[in-house]
All heavy atoms as atom14 arrays in JSON, in Angstrom:
{
  "sequence": "LSCAASGSIFSINAMGWYRQAPGKSRELVATFTSGGRPFYV",
  "atom14_mask": [
    [1, 1, 1, 1, 1, 1, 1, 1, 0, 0, 0, 0, 0, 0],
    [1, 1, 1, 1, 1, 1, 0, 0, 0, 0, 0, 0, 0, 0],
    [1, 1, 1, 1, 1, 1, 0, 0, 0, 0, 0, 0, 0, 0],
    [1, 1, 1, 1, 1, 0, 0, 0, 0, 0, 0, 0, 0, 0],
    [1, 1, 1, 1, 1, 0, 0, 0, 0, 0, 0, 0, 0, 0],
    [1, 1, 1, 1, 1, 1, 0, 0, 0, 0, 0, 0, 0, 0],
    [1, 1, 1, 1, 0, 0, 0, 0, 0, 0, 0, 0, 0, 0],
    [1, 1, 1, 1, 1, 1, 0, 0, 0, 0, 0, 0, 0, 0],
    [1, 1, 1, 1, 1, 1, 1, 1, 0, 0, 0, 0, 0, 0],
    [1, 1, 1, 1, 1, 1, 1, 1, 1, 1, 1, 0, 0, 0],
    [1, 1, 1, 1, 1, 1, 0, 0, 0, 0, 0, 0, 0, 0],
    [1, 1, 1, 1, 1, 1, 1, 1, 0, 0, 0, 0, 0, 0],
    [1, 1, 1, 1, 1, 1, 1, 1, 0, 0, 0, 0, 0, 0],
    [1, 1, 1, 1, 1, 0, 0, 0, 0, 0, 0, 0, 0, 0],
    [1, 1, 1, 1, 1, 1, 1, 1, 0, 0, 0, 0, 0, 0],
    [1, 1, 1, 1, 0, 0, 0, 0, 0, 0, 0, 0, 0, 0],
    [1, 1, 1, 1, 1, 1, 1, 1, 1, 1, 1, 1, 1, 1],
    [1, 1, 1, 1, 1, 1, 1, 1, 1, 1, 1, 1, 0, 0],
    [1, 1, 1, 1, 1, 1, 1, 1, 1, 1, 1, 0, 0, 0],
    [1, 1, 1, 1, 1, 1, 1, 1, 1, 0, 0, 0, 0, 0],
    [1, 1, 1, 1, 1, 0, 0, 0, 0, 0, 0, 0, 0, 0],
    [1, 1, 1, 1, 1, 1, 1, 0, 0, 0, 0, 0, 0, 0],
    [1, 1, 1, 1, 0, 0, 0, 0, 0, 0, 0, 0, 0, 0],
    [1, 1, 1, 1, 1, 1, 1, 1, 1, 0, 0, 0, 0, 0],
    [1, 1, 1, 1, 1, 1, 0, 0, 0, 0, 0, 0, 0, 0],
    [1, 1, 1, 1, 1, 1, 1, 1, 1, 1, 1, 0, 0, 0],
    [1, 1, 1, 1, 1, 1, 1, 1, 1, 0, 0, 0, 0, 0],
    [1, 1, 1, 1, 1, 1, 1, 1, 0, 0, 0, 0, 0, 0],
    [1, 1, 1, 1, 1, 1, 1, 0, 0, 0, 0, 0, 0, 0],
    [1, 1, 1, 1, 1, 0, 0, 0, 0, 0, 0, 0, 0, 0],
    [1, 1, 1, 1, 1, 1, 1, 0, 0, 0, 0, 0, 0, 0],
    [1, 1, 1, 1, 1, 1, 1, 1, 1, 1, 1, 0, 0, 0],
    [1, 1, 1, 1, 1, 1, 1, 0, 0, 0, 0, 0, 0, 0],
    [1, 1, 1, 1, 1, 1, 0, 0, 0, 0, 0, 0, 0, 0],
    [1, 1, 1, 1, 0, 0, 0, 0, 0, 0, 0, 0, 0, 0],
    [1, 1, 1, 1, 0, 0, 0, 0, 0, 0, 0, 0, 0, 0],
    [1, 1, 1, 1, 1, 1, 1, 1, 1, 1, 1, 0, 0, 0],
    [1, 1, 1, 1, 1, 1, 1, 0, 0, 0, 0, 0, 0, 0],
    [1, 1, 1, 1, 1, 1, 1, 1, 1, 1, 1, 0, 0, 0],
    [1, 1, 1, 1, 1, 1, 1, 1, 1, 1, 1, 1, 0, 0],
    [1, 1, 1, 1, 1, 1, 1, 0, 0, 0, 0, 0, 0, 0]
  ],
  "atom14_positions": [
    [[99.63, 40.58, 67.38], [99.09, 41.93, 67.28], [99.95, 42.88, 68.09], [100.5, 42.5, 69.13], [97.66, 41.98, 67.79], [96.67, 40.97, 67.18], [95.28, 41.22, 67.77], [96.65, 41.06, 65.68], [0.0, 0.0, 0.0], [0.0, 0.0, 0.0], [0.0, 0.0, 0.0], [0.0, 0.0, 0.0], [0.0, 0.0, 0.0], [0.0, 0.0, 0.0]],
    [[100.05, 44.11, 67.6], [100.78, 45.16, 68.31], [99.87, 46.36, 68.49], [99.02, 46.64, 67.64], [102.01, 45.58, 67.51], [102.9, 44.51, 67.31], [0.0, 0.0, 0.0], [0.0, 0.0, 0.0], [0.0, 0.0, 0.0], [0.0, 0.0, 0.0], [0.0, 0.0, 0.0], [0.0, 0.0, 0.0], [0.0, 0.0, 0.0], [0.0, 0.0, 0.0]],
    [[100.08, 47.06, 69.57], [99.33, 48.29, 69.85], [100.31, 49.33, 70.37], [100.85, 49.16, 71.47], [98.22, 48.05, 70.85], [97.33, 49.55, 71.33], [0.0, 0.0, 0.0], [0.0, 0.0, 0.0], [0.0, 0.0, 0.0], [0.0, 0.0, 0.0], [0.0, 0.0, 0.0], [0.0, 0.0, 0.0], [0.0, 0.0, 0.0], [0.0, 0.0, 0.0]],
    [[100.52, 50.37, 69.59], [101.43, 51.43, 69.98], [100.64, 52.62, 70.5], [99.69, 53.07, 69.85], [102.28, 51.84, 68.78], [0.0, 0.0, 0.0], [0.0, 0.0, 0.0], [0.0, 0.0, 0.0], [0.0, 0.0, 0.0], [0.0, 0.0, 0.0], [0.0, 0.0, 0.0], [0.0, 0.0, 0.0], [0.0, 0.0, 0.0], [0.0, 0.0, 0.0]],
    [[101.03, 53.1, 71.67], [100.36, 54.24, 72.29], [101.2, 55.5, 72.14], [102.44, 55.44, 72.2], [100.1, 53.95, 73.76], [0.0, 0.0, 0.0], [0.0, 0.0, 0.0], [0.0, 0.0, 0.0], [0.0, 0.0, 0.0], [0.0, 0.0, 0.0], [0.0, 0.0, 0.0], [0.0, 0.0, 0.0], [0.0, 0.0, 0.0], [0.0, 0.0, 0.0]],
    [[100.55, 56.62, 71.96], [101.24, 57.9, 71.89], [100.34, 58.98, 72.47], [99.14, 58.76, 72.69], [101.63, 58.24, 70.45], [100.48, 58.34, 69.63], [0.0, 0.0, 0.0], [0.0, 0.0, 0.0], [0.0, 0.0, 0.0], [0.0, 0.0, 0.0], [0.0, 0.0, 0.0], [0.0, 0.0, 0.0], [0.0, 0.0, 0.0], [0.0, 0.0, 0.0]],
    [[100.9, 60.13, 72.72], [100.14, 61.24, 73.3], [100.36, 61.31, 74.8], [101.44, 61.05, 75.3], [0.0, 0.0, 0.0], [0.0, 0.0, 0.0], [0.0, 0.0, 0.0], [0.0, 0.0, 0.0], [0.0, 0.0, 0.0], [0.0, 0.0, 0.0], [0.0, 0.0, 0.0], [0.0, 0.0, 0.0], [0.0, 0.0, 0.0], [0.0, 0.0, 0.0]],
    [[99.31, 61.6, 75.53], [99.39, 61.79, 76.98], [99.31, 60.45, 77.7], [98.36, 60.16, 78.42], [98.25, 62.7, 77.44], [98.32, 63.95, 76.77], [0.0, 0.0, 0.0], [0.0, 0.0, 0.0], [0.0, 0.0, 0.0], [0.0, 0.0, 0.0], [0.0, 0.0, 0.0], [0.0, 0.0, 0.0], [0.0, 0.0, 0.0], [0.0, 0.0, 0.0]],
    [[100.33, 59.65, 77.51], [100.3, 58.28, 78.01], [100.75, 58.14, 79.45], [100.67, 57.06, 80.02], [101.15, 57.36, 77.11], [102.59, 57.85, 77.09], [100.56, 57.29, 75.71], [103.52, 56.94, 76.32], [0.0, 0.0, 0.0], [0.0, 0.0, 0.0], [0.0, 0.0, 0.0], [0.0, 0.0, 0.0], [0.0, 0.0, 0.0], [0.0, 0.0, 0.0]],
    [[101.22, 59.23, 80.06], [101.77, 59.12, 81.41], [100.7, 58.82, 82.44], [100.99, 58.34, 83.53], [102.49, 60.41, 81.79], [101.64, 61.65, 81.62], [100.82, 62.08, 82.65], [101.64, 62.35, 80.43], [100.03, 63.2, 82.5], [100.86, 63.47, 80.26], [100.04, 63.89, 81.3], [0.0, 0.0, 0.0], [0.0, 0.0, 0.0], [0.0, 0.0, 0.0]],
    [[99.41, 59.07, 82.11], [98.35, 58.89, 83.09], [97.41, 57.74, 82.79], [96.39, 57.58, 83.46], [97.54, 60.18, 83.21], [96.93, 60.48, 81.96], [0.0, 0.0, 0.0], [0.0, 0.0, 0.0], [0.0, 0.0, 0.0], [0.0, 0.0, 0.0], [0.0, 0.0, 0.0], [0.0, 0.0, 0.0], [0.0, 0.0, 0.0], [0.0, 0.0, 0.0]],
    [[97.71, 56.96, 81.79], [96.77, 55.91, 81.39], [96.97, 54.64, 82.2], [98.05, 54.38, 82.74], [96.88, 55.58, 79.89], [98.3, 55.1, 79.53], [96.47, 56.78, 79.05], [98.42, 54.63, 78.09], [0.0, 0.0, 0.0], [0.0, 0.0, 0.0], [0.0, 0.0, 0.0], [0.0, 0.0, 0.0], [0.0, 0.0, 0.0], [0.0, 0.0, 0.0]],
    [[95.91, 53.84, 82.23], [95.98, 52.52, 82.84], [96.68, 51.55, 81.9], [96.96, 51.87, 80.74], [94.56, 52.02, 83.13], [93.81, 52.96, 84.04], [94.36, 53.52, 84.98], [92.53, 53.17, 83.74], [0.0, 0.0, 0.0], [0.0, 0.0, 0.0], [0.0, 0.0, 0.0], [0.0, 0.0, 0.0], [0.0, 0.0, 0.0], [0.0, 0.0, 0.0]],
    [[96.91, 50.35, 82.4], [97.51, 49.33, 81.55], [96.6, 49.05, 80.36], [95.37, 49.06, 80.48], [97.73, 48.05, 82.34], [0.0, 0.0, 0.0], [0.0, 0.0, 0.0], [0.0, 0.0, 0.0], [0.0, 0.0, 0.0], [0.0, 0.0, 0.0], [0.0, 0.0, 0.0], [0.0, 0.0, 0.0], [0.0, 0.0, 0.0], [0.0, 0.0, 0.0]],
    [[97.19, 48.83, 79.21], [96.4, 48.55, 78.02], [95.91, 47.11, 78.04], [96.55, 46.22, 78.58], [97.23, 48.81, 76.77], [97.36, 50.3, 76.45], [97.98, 50.6, 74.81], [99.72, 50.23, 75.04], [0.0, 0.0, 0.0], [0.0, 0.0, 0.0], [0.0, 0.0, 0.0], [0.0, 0.0, 0.0], [0.0, 0.0, 0.0], [0.0, 0.0, 0.0]],
    [[94.77, 46.92, 77.43], [94.23, 45.58, 77.3], [93.82, 45.31, 75.87], [93.72, 46.22, 75.05], [0.0, 0.0, 0.0], [0.0, 0.0, 0.0], [0.0, 0.0, 0.0], [0.0, 0.0, 0.0], [0.0, 0.0, 0.0], [0.0, 0.0, 0.0], [0.0, 0.0, 0.0], [0.0, 0.0, 0.0], [0.0, 0.0, 0.0], [0.0, 0.0, 0.0]],
    [[93.6, 44.07, 75.58], [93.1, 43.65, 74.26], [91.66, 43.18, 74.38], [91.33, 42.44, 75.3], [93.98, 42.53, 73.69], [95.3, 43.02, 73.19], [96.48, 42.99, 73.85], [95.55, 43.63, 71.93], [97.47, 43.55, 73.06], [96.92, 43.95, 71.88], [94.76, 43.94, 70.82], [97.53, 44.56, 70.78], [95.35, 44.55, 69.73], [96.72, 44.85, 69.71]],
    [[90.86, 43.6, 73.43], [89.45, 43.27, 73.39], [89.13, 42.78, 71.98], [89.92, 42.99, 71.04], [88.59, 44.51, 73.69], [88.85, 45.11, 75.03], [90.0, 45.86, 75.27], [87.97, 44.94, 76.09], [90.26, 46.41, 76.52], [88.21, 45.5, 77.34], [89.36, 46.23, 77.54], [89.61, 46.77, 78.78], [0.0, 0.0, 0.0], [0.0, 0.0, 0.0]],
    [[87.99, 42.14, 71.83], [87.58, 41.73, 70.49], [86.06, 41.81, 70.37], [85.34, 41.71, 71.36], [88.06, 40.33, 70.16], [87.44, 39.21, 70.99], [88.11, 37.88, 70.69], [87.55, 36.8, 71.48], [88.06, 35.57, 71.5], [89.15, 35.28, 70.79], [87.49, 34.63, 72.24], [0.0, 0.0, 0.0], [0.0, 0.0, 0.0], [0.0, 0.0, 0.0]],
    [[85.64, 41.99, 69.12], [84.21, 42.05, 68.84], [83.93, 41.25, 67.59], [84.4, 41.61, 66.49], [83.74, 43.49, 68.67], [82.24, 43.63, 68.55], [81.77, 45.06, 68.72], [82.55, 46.01, 68.64], [80.49, 45.23, 68.97], [0.0, 0.0, 0.0], [0.0, 0.0, 0.0], [0.0, 0.0, 0.0], [0.0, 0.0, 0.0], [0.0, 0.0, 0.0]],
    [[83.2, 40.17, 67.76], [82.79, 39.34, 66.64], [81.47, 39.87, 66.08], [80.73, 40.57, 66.78], [82.64, 37.89, 67.09], [0.0, 0.0, 0.0], [0.0, 0.0, 0.0], [0.0, 0.0, 0.0], [0.0, 0.0, 0.0], [0.0, 0.0, 0.0], [0.0, 0.0, 0.0], [0.0, 0.0, 0.0], [0.0, 0.0, 0.0], [0.0, 0.0, 0.0]],
    [[81.16, 39.57, 64.83], [79.91, 40.05, 64.24], [78.69, 39.65, 65.07], [78.55, 38.49, 65.46], [79.88, 39.36, 62.86], [81.31, 39.12, 62.54], [81.96, 38.81, 63.86], [0.0, 0.0, 0.0], [0.0, 0.0, 0.0], [0.0, 0.0, 0.0], [0.0, 0.0, 0.0], [0.0, 0.0, 0.0], [0.0, 0.0, 0.0], [0.0, 0.0, 0.0]],
    [[77.87, 40.63, 65.36], [76.64, 40.36, 66.11], [76.83, 40.18, 67.6], [75.87, 39.86, 68.31], [0.0, 0.0, 0.0], [0.0, 0.0, 0.0], [0.0, 0.0, 0.0], [0.0, 0.0, 0.0], [0.0, 0.0, 0.0], [0.0, 0.0, 0.0], [0.0, 0.0, 0.0], [0.0, 0.0, 0.0], [0.0, 0.0, 0.0], [0.0, 0.0, 0.0]],
    [[78.06, 40.37, 68.07], [78.34, 40.18, 69.5], [78.89, 41.46, 70.11], [79.35, 42.35, 69.41], [79.31, 39.02, 69.7], [78.77, 37.68, 69.28], [79.71, 36.56, 69.69], [79.13, 35.2, 69.34], [80.02, 34.1, 69.77], [0.0, 0.0, 0.0], [0.0, 0.0, 0.0], [0.0, 0.0, 0.0], [0.0, 0.0, 0.0], [0.0, 0.0, 0.0]],
    [[78.84, 41.52, 71.43], [79.39, 42.66, 72.14], [80.91, 42.56, 72.22], [81.48, 41.48, 72.09], [78.81, 42.72, 73.56], [77.4, 42.82, 73.51], [0.0, 0.0, 0.0], [0.0, 0.0, 0.0], [0.0, 0.0, 0.0], [0.0, 0.0, 0.0], [0.0, 0.0, 0.0], [0.0, 0.0, 0.0], [0.0, 0.0, 0.0], [0.0, 0.0, 0.0]],
    [[81.53, 43.69, 72.42], [82.98, 43.7, 72.62], [83.3, 43.03, 73.94], [82.65, 43.29, 74.96], [83.51, 45.13, 72.6], [85.01, 45.25, 72.51], [85.43, 46.7, 72.3], [84.89, 47.24, 71.05], [85.21, 48.43, 70.59], [86.07, 49.2, 71.24], [84.68, 48.87, 69.47], [0.0, 0.0, 0.0], [0.0, 0.0, 0.0], [0.0, 0.0, 0.0]],
    [[84.32, 42.18, 73.93], [84.69, 41.46, 75.15], [86.18, 41.6, 75.42], [87.0, 41.72, 74.5], [84.34, 39.97, 75.04], [85.11, 39.22, 73.97], [84.93, 37.71, 74.05], [84.34, 37.21, 75.03], [85.4, 37.03, 73.11], [0.0, 0.0, 0.0], [0.0, 0.0, 0.0], [0.0, 0.0, 0.0], [0.0, 0.0, 0.0], [0.0, 0.0, 0.0]],
    [[86.51, 41.57, 76.7], [87.91, 41.59, 77.1], [88.56, 40.26, 76.74], [87.98, 39.2, 76.98], [88.03, 41.83, 78.61], [89.41, 41.73, 79.2], [90.3, 42.86, 78.7], [89.33, 41.75, 80.73], [0.0, 0.0, 0.0], [0.0, 0.0, 0.0], [0.0, 0.0, 0.0], [0.0, 0.0, 0.0], [0.0, 0.0, 0.0], [0.0, 0.0, 0.0]],
    [[89.76, 40.33, 76.2], [90.53, 39.13, 75.88], [91.68, 38.96, 76.86], [91.88, 37.9, 77.44], [91.06, 39.2, 74.44], [91.97, 38.01, 74.14], [89.92, 39.28, 73.43], [0.0, 0.0, 0.0], [0.0, 0.0, 0.0], [0.0, 0.0, 0.0], [0.0, 0.0, 0.0], [0.0, 0.0, 0.0], [0.0, 0.0, 0.0], [0.0, 0.0, 0.0]],
    [[92.45, 40.02, 77.04], [93.63, 39.94, 77.91], [94.0, 41.33, 78.37], [93.82, 42.31, 77.64], [94.8, 39.29, 77.19], [0.0, 0.0, 0.0], [0.0, 0.0, 0.0], [0.0, 0.0, 0.0], [0.0, 0.0, 0.0], [0.0, 0.0, 0.0], [0.0, 0.0, 0.0], [0.0, 0.0, 0.0], [0.0, 0.0, 0.0], [0.0, 0.0, 0.0]],
    [[94.53, 41.42, 79.56], [95.0, 42.69, 80.08], [95.99, 42.42, 81.2], [96.39, 41.27, 81.43], [93.82, 43.55, 80.58], [94.29, 44.86, 80.91], [93.15, 42.93, 81.8], [0.0, 0.0, 0.0], [0.0, 0.0, 0.0], [0.0, 0.0, 0.0], [0.0, 0.0, 0.0], [0.0, 0.0, 0.0], [0.0, 0.0, 0.0], [0.0, 0.0, 0.0]],
    [[96.42, 43.47, 81.86], [97.29, 43.34, 83.02], [96.5, 43.79, 84.25], [95.77, 44.77, 84.21], [98.54, 44.19, 82.87], [99.48, 43.7, 81.8], [99.46, 44.26, 80.54], [100.37, 42.68, 82.06], [100.3, 43.81, 79.55], [101.23, 42.21, 81.07], [101.2, 42.78, 79.81], [0.0, 0.0, 0.0], [0.0, 0.0, 0.0], [0.0, 0.0, 0.0]],
    [[96.68, 43.08, 85.34], [96.05, 43.48, 86.59], [96.78, 44.69, 87.16], [97.83, 45.09, 86.66], [96.11, 42.35, 87.61], [97.49, 42.13, 87.98], [95.55, 41.06, 87.04], [0.0, 0.0, 0.0], [0.0, 0.0, 0.0], [0.0, 0.0, 0.0], [0.0, 0.0, 0.0], [0.0, 0.0, 0.0], [0.0, 0.0, 0.0], [0.0, 0.0, 0.0]],
    [[96.22, 45.25, 88.21], [96.87, 46.41, 88.85], [98.23, 46.03, 89.4], [99.1, 46.88, 89.56], [95.98, 46.95, 89.97], [95.7, 45.94, 90.91], [0.0, 0.0, 0.0], [0.0, 0.0, 0.0], [0.0, 0.0, 0.0], [0.0, 0.0, 0.0], [0.0, 0.0, 0.0], [0.0, 0.0, 0.0], [0.0, 0.0, 0.0], [0.0, 0.0, 0.0]],
    [[98.43, 44.76, 89.67], [99.73, 44.3, 90.14], [100.69, 43.95, 89.02], [101.81, 43.51, 89.27], [0.0, 0.0, 0.0], [0.0, 0.0, 0.0], [0.0, 0.0, 0.0], [0.0, 0.0, 0.0], [0.0, 0.0, 0.0], [0.0, 0.0, 0.0], [0.0, 0.0, 0.0], [0.0, 0.0, 0.0], [0.0, 0.0, 0.0], [0.0, 0.0, 0.0]],
    [[100.25, 44.14, 87.78], [101.13, 43.92, 86.64], [101.12, 42.51, 86.1], [101.88, 42.19, 85.18], [0.0, 0.0, 0.0], [0.0, 0.0, 0.0], [0.0, 0.0, 0.0], [0.0, 0.0, 0.0], [0.0, 0.0, 0.0], [0.0, 0.0, 0.0], [0.0, 0.0, 0.0], [0.0, 0.0, 0.0], [0.0, 0.0, 0.0], [0.0, 0.0, 0.0]],
    [[100.24, 41.66, 86.62], [100.19, 40.29, 86.16], [99.21, 40.18, 84.99], [98.19, 40.88, 84.96], [99.77, 39.36, 87.28], [100.71, 39.42, 88.47], [100.35, 38.39, 89.51], [100.64, 37.03, 89.04], [100.53, 35.95, 89.81], [100.1, 36.07, 91.05], [100.82, 34.77, 89.33], [0.0, 0.0, 0.0], [0.0, 0.0, 0.0], [0.0, 0.0, 0.0]],
    [[99.47, 39.32, 84.03], [98.55, 39.16, 82.91], [97.27, 38.46, 83.35], [97.28, 37.61, 84.24], [99.34, 38.3, 81.92], [100.35, 37.59, 82.74], [100.69, 38.48, 83.87], [0.0, 0.0, 0.0], [0.0, 0.0, 0.0], [0.0, 0.0, 0.0], [0.0, 0.0, 0.0], [0.0, 0.0, 0.0], [0.0, 0.0, 0.0], [0.0, 0.0, 0.0]],
    [[96.19, 38.86, 82.72], [94.89, 38.25, 82.95], [94.31, 37.88, 81.59], [94.37, 38.67, 80.64], [93.95, 39.22, 83.67], [92.53, 38.73, 83.7], [92.11, 37.84, 84.68], [91.62, 39.13, 82.73], [90.8, 37.37, 84.69], [90.31, 38.66, 82.73], [89.91, 37.78, 83.72], [0.0, 0.0, 0.0], [0.0, 0.0, 0.0], [0.0, 0.0, 0.0]],
    [[93.7, 36.7, 81.5], [93.12, 36.23, 80.24], [91.7, 35.74, 80.48], [91.39, 35.14, 81.51], [93.95, 35.07, 79.67], [95.4, 35.39, 79.44], [96.36, 35.07, 80.39], [95.8, 36.03, 78.27], [97.69, 35.38, 80.19], [97.14, 36.33, 78.06], [98.07, 36.01, 79.03], [99.39, 36.33, 78.82], [0.0, 0.0, 0.0], [0.0, 0.0, 0.0]],
    [[90.86, 35.98, 79.49], [89.55, 35.38, 79.53], [89.73, 33.88, 79.3], [90.68, 33.44, 78.63], [88.63, 36.01, 78.45], [89.11, 35.66, 77.06], [87.2, 35.62, 78.68], [0.0, 0.0, 0.0], [0.0, 0.0, 0.0], [0.0, 0.0, 0.0], [0.0, 0.0, 0.0], [0.0, 0.0, 0.0], [0.0, 0.0, 0.0], [0.0, 0.0, 0.0]]
  ]
}
């Protein structure tokens, strides 16, 4: 999967990936920590 960001991106936090299965809440899948390291569920 790819996610391209545009617009006022200079002030945003690190992007993360989330998913939502039918009948379930959206959940975090992966992101970057404040130190730049990857985090995974």
